[in-house]
Each structure stands twice: as structure tokens, then as C-alpha cells.
Amino acid sequence: MIKYFKESYNELVNKVTWPTFPQLQSSTVVVMVATVIFAIIVLIMDLSFENLMAVIYKTLAGLGR
């Protein structure tokens, strides 16, 4: 177990390439833009489904009378 932690520490310190701050900022912006686009798509789908269900319910309510 101790050997595992020593090797893990060594790999994190000496072998892993950490991103620079500008790379990190760029990646963050990409994730934020993608999240906003995905949220807008989900909103559009939700509103469309809500309107579709309202039409279906009104039609079915009209048939029952």
C-alpha cells in the first residue's frame, strides 16, 4: 500500500502534464458555452413537449363530451 502511494505521488509530480492557467481558462469557457447551449436545447424541448401535451389534452377533453 505504501509503495502504491509513493508511485502515485511520483507520477502526479513528475509525469503528469498540468494545464497552464490560460489553457484552463479556455477550457472553462468552452464548458460554460456548451452548458448554456445544452440548457437552451433542453428548454426548447421542454416547452415543445408542454405545448404538445396541452393540445393532446384539449383534444381528448373535447372528445369526451
PDB file of N, CA and C in Angstrom:
ATOM      1  N   MET A   1       0.838  -1.195   0.000  1.00  0.00           N
ATOM      2  CA  MET A   1       0.000   0.000   0.000  1.00  0.00           C
ATOM      3  C   MET A   1       0.878   1.252   0.000  1.00  0.00           C
ATOM      4  N   ILE A   2       1.925   1.234   0.779  1.00  0.00           N
ATOM      5  CA  ILE A   2       2.830   2.393   0.836  1.00  0.00           C
ATOM      6  C   ILE A   2       3.503   2.588  -0.520  1.00  0.00           C
ATOM      7  N   LYS A   3       3.900   1.487  -1.148  1.00  0.00           N
ATOM      8  CA  LYS A   3       4.523   1.568  -2.474  1.00  0.00           C
ATOM      9  C   LYS A   3       3.559   2.211  -3.477  1.00  0.00           C
ATOM     10  N   TYR A   4       2.288   1.856  -3.398  1.00  0.00           N
ATOM     11  CA  TYR A   4       1.274   2.423  -4.288  1.00  0.00           C
ATOM     12  C   TYR A   4       1.200   3.940  -4.134  1.00  0.00           C
ATOM     13  N   PHE A   5       1.161   4.424  -2.887  1.00  0.00           N
ATOM     14  CA  PHE A   5       1.080   5.868  -2.655  1.00  0.00           C
ATOM     15  C   PHE A   5       2.342   6.579  -3.118  1.00  0.00           C
ATOM     16  N   LYS A   6       3.499   5.970  -2.917  1.00  0.00           N
ATOM     17  CA  LYS A   6       4.753   6.573  -3.381  1.00  0.00           C
ATOM     18  C   LYS A   6       4.781   6.670  -4.902  1.00  0.00           C
ATOM     19  N   GLU A   7       4.366   5.597  -5.563  1.00  0.00           N
ATOM     20  CA  GLU A   7       4.344   5.614  -7.027  1.00  0.00           C
ATOM     21  C   GLU A   7       3.300   6.589  -7.558  1.00  0.00           C
ATOM     22  N   SER A   8       2.162   6.670  -6.901  1.00  0.00           N
ATOM     23  CA  SER A   8       1.124   7.619  -7.320  1.00  0.00           C
ATOM     24  C   SER A   8       1.607   9.051  -7.173  1.00  0.00           C
ATOM     25  N   TYR A   9       2.230   9.339  -6.054  1.00  0.00           N
ATOM     26  CA  TYR A   9       2.772  10.684  -5.826  1.00  0.00           C
ATOM     27  C   TYR A   9       3.826  11.007  -6.874  1.00  0.00           C
ATOM     28  N   ASN A  10       4.730  10.071  -7.127  1.00  0.00           N
ATOM     29  CA  ASN A  10       5.781  10.278  -8.113  1.00  0.00           C
ATOM     30  C   ASN A  10       5.190  10.546  -9.495  1.00  0.00           C
ATOM     31  N   GLU A  11       4.164   9.810  -9.863  1.00  0.00           N
ATOM     32  CA  GLU A  11       3.545  10.009 -11.167  1.00  0.00           C
ATOM     33  C   GLU A  11       2.870  11.374 -11.257  1.00  0.00           C
ATOM     34  N   LEU A  12       2.176  11.777 -10.195  1.00  0.00           N
ATOM     35  CA  LEU A  12       1.500  13.082 -10.207  1.00  0.00           C
ATOM     36  C   LEU A  12       2.493  14.236 -10.261  1.00  0.00           C
ATOM     37  N   VAL A  13       3.607  14.091  -9.591  1.00  0.00           N
ATOM     38  CA  VAL A  13       4.582  15.185  -9.531  1.00  0.00           C
ATOM     39  C   VAL A  13       5.457  15.232 -10.778  1.00  0.00           C
ATOM     40  N   ASN A  14       5.899  14.081 -11.271  1.00  0.00           N
ATOM     41  CA  ASN A  14       6.910  14.063 -12.326  1.00  0.00           C
ATOM     42  C   ASN A  14       6.397  13.702 -13.718  1.00  0.00           C
ATOM     43  N   LYS A  15       5.290  13.008 -13.835  1.00  0.00           N
ATOM     44  CA  LYS A  15       4.865  12.512 -15.146  1.00  0.00           C
ATOM     45  C   LYS A  15       3.616  13.172 -15.697  1.00  0.00           C
ATOM     46  N   VAL A  16       2.797  13.748 -14.845  1.00  0.00           N
ATOM     47  CA  VAL A  16       1.552  14.367 -15.299  1.00  0.00           C
ATOM     48  C   VAL A  16       1.850  15.766 -15.826  1.00  0.00           C
ATOM     49  N   THR A  17       1.261  16.084 -16.980  1.00  0.00           N
ATOM     50  CA  THR A  17       1.396  17.426 -17.537  1.00  0.00           C
ATOM     51  C   THR A  17       0.164  18.223 -17.135  1.00  0.00           C
ATOM     52  N   TRP A  18       0.360  19.209 -16.277  1.00  0.00           N
ATOM     53  CA  TRP A  18      -0.748  20.012 -15.794  1.00  0.00           C
ATOM     54  C   TRP A  18      -0.987  21.165 -16.759  1.00  0.00           C
ATOM     55  N   PRO A  19      -2.238  21.555 -16.972  1.00  0.00           N
ATOM     56  CA  PRO A  19      -2.519  22.654 -17.903  1.00  0.00           C
ATOM     57  C   PRO A  19      -2.053  23.993 -17.331  1.00  0.00           C
ATOM     58  N   THR A  20      -1.719  24.891 -18.244  1.00  0.00           N
ATOM     59  CA  THR A  20      -1.371  26.243 -17.815  1.00  0.00           C
ATOM     60  C   THR A  20      -2.659  26.997 -17.494  1.00  0.00           C
ATOM     61  N   PHE A  21      -2.512  28.155 -16.866  1.00  0.00           N
ATOM     62  CA  PHE A  21      -3.700  28.928 -16.492  1.00  0.00           C
ATOM     63  C   PHE A  21      -4.493  29.378 -17.721  1.00  0.00           C
ATOM     64  N   PRO A  22      -3.841  29.865 -18.793  1.00  0.00           N
ATOM     65  CA  PRO A  22      -4.628  30.213 -19.993  1.00  0.00           C
ATOM     66  C   PRO A  22      -5.351  29.013 -20.609  1.00  0.00           C
ATOM     67  N   GLN A  23      -4.731  27.832 -20.611  1.00  0.00           N
ATOM     68  CA  GLN A  23      -5.401  26.634 -21.115  1.00  0.00           C
ATOM     69  C   GLN A  23      -6.617  26.307 -20.253  1.00  0.00           C
ATOM     70  N   LEU A  24      -6.460  26.456 -18.960  1.00  0.00           N
ATOM     71  CA  LEU A  24      -7.553  26.180 -18.033  1.00  0.00           C
ATOM     72  C   LEU A  24      -8.711  27.157 -18.248  1.00  0.00           C
ATOM     73  N   GLN A  25      -8.392  28.430 -18.451  1.00  0.00           N
ATOM     74  CA  GLN A  25      -9.430  29.422 -18.717  1.00  0.00           C
ATOM     75  C   GLN A  25     -10.159  29.110 -20.018  1.00  0.00           C
ATOM     76  N   SER A  26      -9.413  28.740 -21.046  1.00  0.00           N
ATOM     77  CA  SER A  26     -10.018  28.420 -22.333  1.00  0.00           C
ATOM     78  C   SER A  26     -10.952  27.222 -22.206  1.00  0.00           C
ATOM     79  N   SER A  27     -10.523  26.207 -21.516  1.00  0.00           N
ATOM     80  CA  SER A  27     -11.358  25.019 -21.323  1.00  0.00           C
ATOM     81  C   SER A  27     -12.615  25.359 -20.535  1.00  0.00           C
ATOM     82  N   THR A  28     -12.484  26.221 -19.557  1.00  0.00           N
ATOM     83  CA  THR A  28     -13.628  26.624 -18.748  1.00  0.00           C
ATOM     84  C   THR A  28     -14.664  27.352 -19.601  1.00  0.00           C
ATOM     85  N   VAL A  29     -14.199  28.225 -20.479  1.00  0.00           N
ATOM     86  CA  VAL A  29     -15.116  28.961 -21.354  1.00  0.00           C
ATOM     87  C   VAL A  29     -15.848  27.990 -22.284  1.00  0.00           C
ATOM     88  N   VAL A  30     -15.133  27.015 -22.818  1.00  0.00           N
ATOM     89  CA  VAL A  30     -15.754  26.028 -23.710  1.00  0.00           C
ATOM     90  C   VAL A  30     -16.841  25.259 -22.969  1.00  0.00           C
ATOM     91  N   VAL A  31     -16.550  24.848 -21.745  1.00  0.00           N
ATOM     92  CA  VAL A  31     -17.536  24.100 -20.957  1.00  0.00           C
ATOM     93  C   VAL A  31     -18.749  24.969 -20.639  1.00  0.00           C
ATOM     94  N   MET A  32     -18.524  26.231 -20.294  1.00  0.00           N
ATOM     95  CA  MET A  32     -19.643  27.122 -19.977  1.00  0.00           C
ATOM     96  C   MET A  32     -20.532  27.359 -21.193  1.00  0.00           C
ATOM     97  N   VAL A  33     -19.944  27.579 -22.363  1.00  0.00           N
ATOM     98  CA  VAL A  33     -20.722  27.806 -23.577  1.00  0.00           C
ATOM     99  C   VAL A  33     -21.512  26.550 -23.934  1.00  0.00           C
ATOM    100  N   ALA A  34     -20.870  25.381 -23.848  1.00  0.00           N
ATOM    101  CA  ALA A  34     -21.556  24.128 -24.147  1.00  0.00           C
ATOM    102  C   ALA A  34     -22.714  23.902 -23.182  1.00  0.00           C
ATOM    103  N   THR A  35     -22.533  24.255 -21.915  1.00  0.00           N
ATOM    104  CA  THR A  35     -23.588  24.095 -20.926  1.00  0.00           C
ATOM    105  C   THR A  35     -24.782  24.992 -21.231  1.00  0.00           C
ATOM    106  N   VAL A  36     -24.515  26.222 -21.626  1.00  0.00           N
ATOM    107  CA  VAL A  36     -25.604  27.143 -21.962  1.00  0.00           C
ATOM    108  C   VAL A  36     -26.361  26.650 -23.201  1.00  0.00           C
ATOM    109  N   ILE A  37     -25.627  26.184 -24.205  1.00  0.00           N
ATOM    110  CA  ILE A  37     -26.277  25.671 -25.417  1.00  0.00           C
ATOM    111  C   ILE A  37     -27.143  24.460 -25.076  1.00  0.00           C
ATOM    112  N   PHE A  38     -26.614  23.555 -24.272  1.00  0.00           N
ATOM    113  CA  PHE A  38     -27.372  22.368 -23.876  1.00  0.00           C
ATOM    114  C   PHE A  38     -28.621  22.762 -23.080  1.00  0.00           C
ATOM    115  N   ALA A  39     -28.495  23.748 -22.191  1.00  0.00           N
ATOM    116  CA  ALA A  39     -29.644  24.194 -21.395  1.00  0.00           C
ATOM    117  C   ALA A  39     -30.721  24.804 -22.297  1.00  0.00           C
ATOM    118  N   ILE A  40     -30.316  25.549 -23.304  1.00  0.00           N
ATOM    119  CA  ILE A  40     -31.285  26.145 -24.225  1.00  0.00           C
ATOM    120  C   ILE A  40     -32.006  25.054 -25.020  1.00  0.00           C
ATOM    121  N   ILE A  41     -31.264  24.045 -25.468  1.00  0.00           N
ATOM    122  CA  ILE A  41     -31.879  22.942 -26.206  1.00  0.00           C
ATOM    123  C   ILE A  41     -32.889  22.209 -25.330  1.00  0.00           C
ATOM    124  N   VAL A  42     -32.526  21.951 -24.076  1.00  0.00           N
ATOM    125  CA  VAL A  42     -33.453  21.276 -23.158  1.00  0.00           C
ATOM    126  C   VAL A  42     -34.682  22.141 -22.910  1.00  0.00           C
ATOM    127  N   LEU A  43     -34.510  23.448 -22.772  1.00  0.00           N
ATOM    128  CA  LEU A  43     -35.642  24.361 -22.580  1.00  0.00           C
ATOM    129  C   LEU A  43     -36.590  24.310 -23.774  1.00  0.00           C
ATOM    130  N   ILE A  44     -36.044  24.344 -24.974  1.00  0.00           N
ATOM    131  CA  ILE A  44     -36.874  24.297 -26.180  1.00  0.00           C
ATOM    132  C   ILE A  44     -37.645  22.977 -26.247  1.00  0.00           C
ATOM    133  N   MET A  45     -36.963  21.877 -25.940  1.00  0.00           N
ATOM    134  CA  MET A  45     -37.643  20.579 -25.953  1.00  0.00           C
ATOM    135  C   MET A  45     -38.744  20.531 -24.897  1.00  0.00           C
ATOM    136  N   ASP A  46     -38.487  21.080 -23.721  1.00  0.00           N
ATOM    137  CA  ASP A  46     -39.472  21.075 -22.642  1.00  0.00           C
ATOM    138  C   ASP A  46     -40.702  21.896 -23.014  1.00  0.00           C
ATOM    139  N   LEU A  47     -40.497  23.080 -23.558  1.00  0.00           N
ATOM    140  CA  LEU A  47     -41.631  23.920 -23.949  1.00  0.00           C
ATOM    141  C   LEU A  47     -42.425  23.281 -25.093  1.00  0.00           C
ATOM    142  N   SER A  48     -41.718  22.670 -26.035  1.00  0.00           N
ATOM    143  CA  SER A  48     -42.411  21.998 -27.142  1.00  0.00           C
ATOM    144  C   SER A  48     -43.267  20.849 -26.630  1.00  0.00           C
ATOM    145  N   PHE A  49     -42.708  20.037 -25.746  1.00  0.00           N
ATOM    146  CA  PHE A  49     -43.454  18.907 -25.208  1.00  0.00           C
ATOM    147  C   PHE A  49     -44.643  19.384 -24.382  1.00  0.00           C
ATOM    148  N   GLU A  50     -44.452  20.467 -23.624  1.00  0.00           N
ATOM    149  CA  GLU A  50     -45.555  21.019 -22.824  1.00  0.00           C
ATOM    150  C   GLU A  50     -46.700  21.469 -23.729  1.00  0.00           C
ATOM    151  N   ASN A  51     -46.374  22.160 -24.810  1.00  0.00           N
ATOM    152  CA  ASN A  51     -47.409  22.619 -25.742  1.00  0.00           C
ATOM    153  C   ASN A  51     -48.083  21.448 -26.454  1.00  0.00           C
ATOM    154  N   LEU A  52     -47.310  20.455 -26.837  1.00  0.00           N
ATOM    155  CA  LEU A  52     -47.872  19.274 -27.481  1.00  0.00           C
ATOM    156  C   LEU A  52     -48.842  18.556 -26.552  1.00  0.00           C
ATOM    157  N   MET A  53     -48.468  18.397 -25.305  1.00  0.00           N
ATOM    158  CA  MET A  53     -49.341  17.724 -24.343  1.00  0.00           C
ATOM    159  C   MET A  53     -50.603  18.541 -24.088  1.00  0.00           C
ATOM    160  N   ALA A  54     -50.493  19.864 -24.063  1.00  0.00           N
ATOM    161  CA  ALA A  54     -51.680  20.707 -23.879  1.00  0.00           C
ATOM    162  C   ALA A  54     -52.661  20.507 -25.035  1.00  0.00           C
ATOM    163  N   VAL A  55     -52.140  20.428 -26.249  1.00  0.00           N
ATOM    164  CA  VAL A  55     -53.008  20.207 -27.415  1.00  0.00           C
ATOM    165  C   VAL A  55     -53.669  18.836 -27.327  1.00  0.00           C
ATOM    166  N   ILE A  56     -52.901  17.841 -26.954  1.00  0.00           N
ATOM    167  CA  ILE A  56     -53.454  16.477 -26.837  1.00  0.00           C
ATOM    168  C   ILE A  56     -54.542  16.430 -25.772  1.00  0.00           C
ATOM    169  N   TYR A  57     -54.305  17.024 -24.610  1.00  0.00           N
ATOM    170  CA  TYR A  57     -55.296  17.021 -23.540  1.00  0.00           C
ATOM    171  C   TYR A  57     -56.568  17.765 -23.938  1.00  0.00           C
ATOM    172  N   LYS A  58     -56.417  18.906 -24.629  1.00  0.00           N
ATOM    173  CA  LYS A  58     -57.600  19.632 -25.073  1.00  0.00           C
ATOM    174  C   LYS A  58     -58.404  18.821 -26.088  1.00  0.00           C
ATOM    175  N   THR A  59     -57.704  18.146 -26.985  1.00  0.00           N
ATOM    176  CA  THR A  59     -58.387  17.309 -27.975  1.00  0.00           C
ATOM    177  C   THR A  59     -59.110  16.159 -27.319  1.00  0.00           C
ATOM    178  N   LEU A  60     -58.451  15.491 -26.387  1.00  0.00           N
ATOM    179  CA  LEU A  60     -59.090  14.373 -25.701  1.00  0.00           C
ATOM    180  C   LEU A  60     -60.250  14.820 -24.816  1.00  0.00           C
ATOM    181  N   ALA A  61     -60.136  15.990 -24.217  1.00  0.00           N
ATOM    182  CA  ALA A  61     -61.229  16.510 -23.399  1.00  0.00           C
ATOM    183  C   ALA A  61     -62.429  16.841 -24.269  1.00  0.00           C
ATOM    184  N   GLY A  62     -62.185  17.321 -25.479  1.00  0.00           N
ATOM    185  CA  GLY A  62     -63.278  17.631 -26.405  1.00  0.00           C
ATOM    186  C   GLY A  62     -63.978  16.375 -26.897  1.00  0.00           C
ATOM    187  N   LEU A  63     -63.253  15.296 -27.025  1.00  0.00           N
ATOM    188  CA  LEU A  63     -63.847  14.036 -27.498  1.00  0.00           C
ATOM    189  C   LEU A  63     -64.741  13.390 -26.436  1.00  0.00           C
ATOM    190  N   GLY A  64     -64.441  13.640 -25.168  1.00  0.00           N
ATOM    191  CA  GLY A  64     -65.197  13.007 -24.085  1.00  0.00           C
ATOM    192  C   GLY A  64     -66.547  13.641 -23.851  1.00  0.00           C
ATOM    193  N   ARG A  65     -66.794  14.765 -24.393  1.00  0.00           N
ATOM    194  CA  ARG A  65     -68.075  15.452 -24.134  1.00  0.00           C
ATOM    195  C   ARG A  65     -69.108  15.149 -25.131  1.00  0.00           C
TER     196      ARG A  65
END
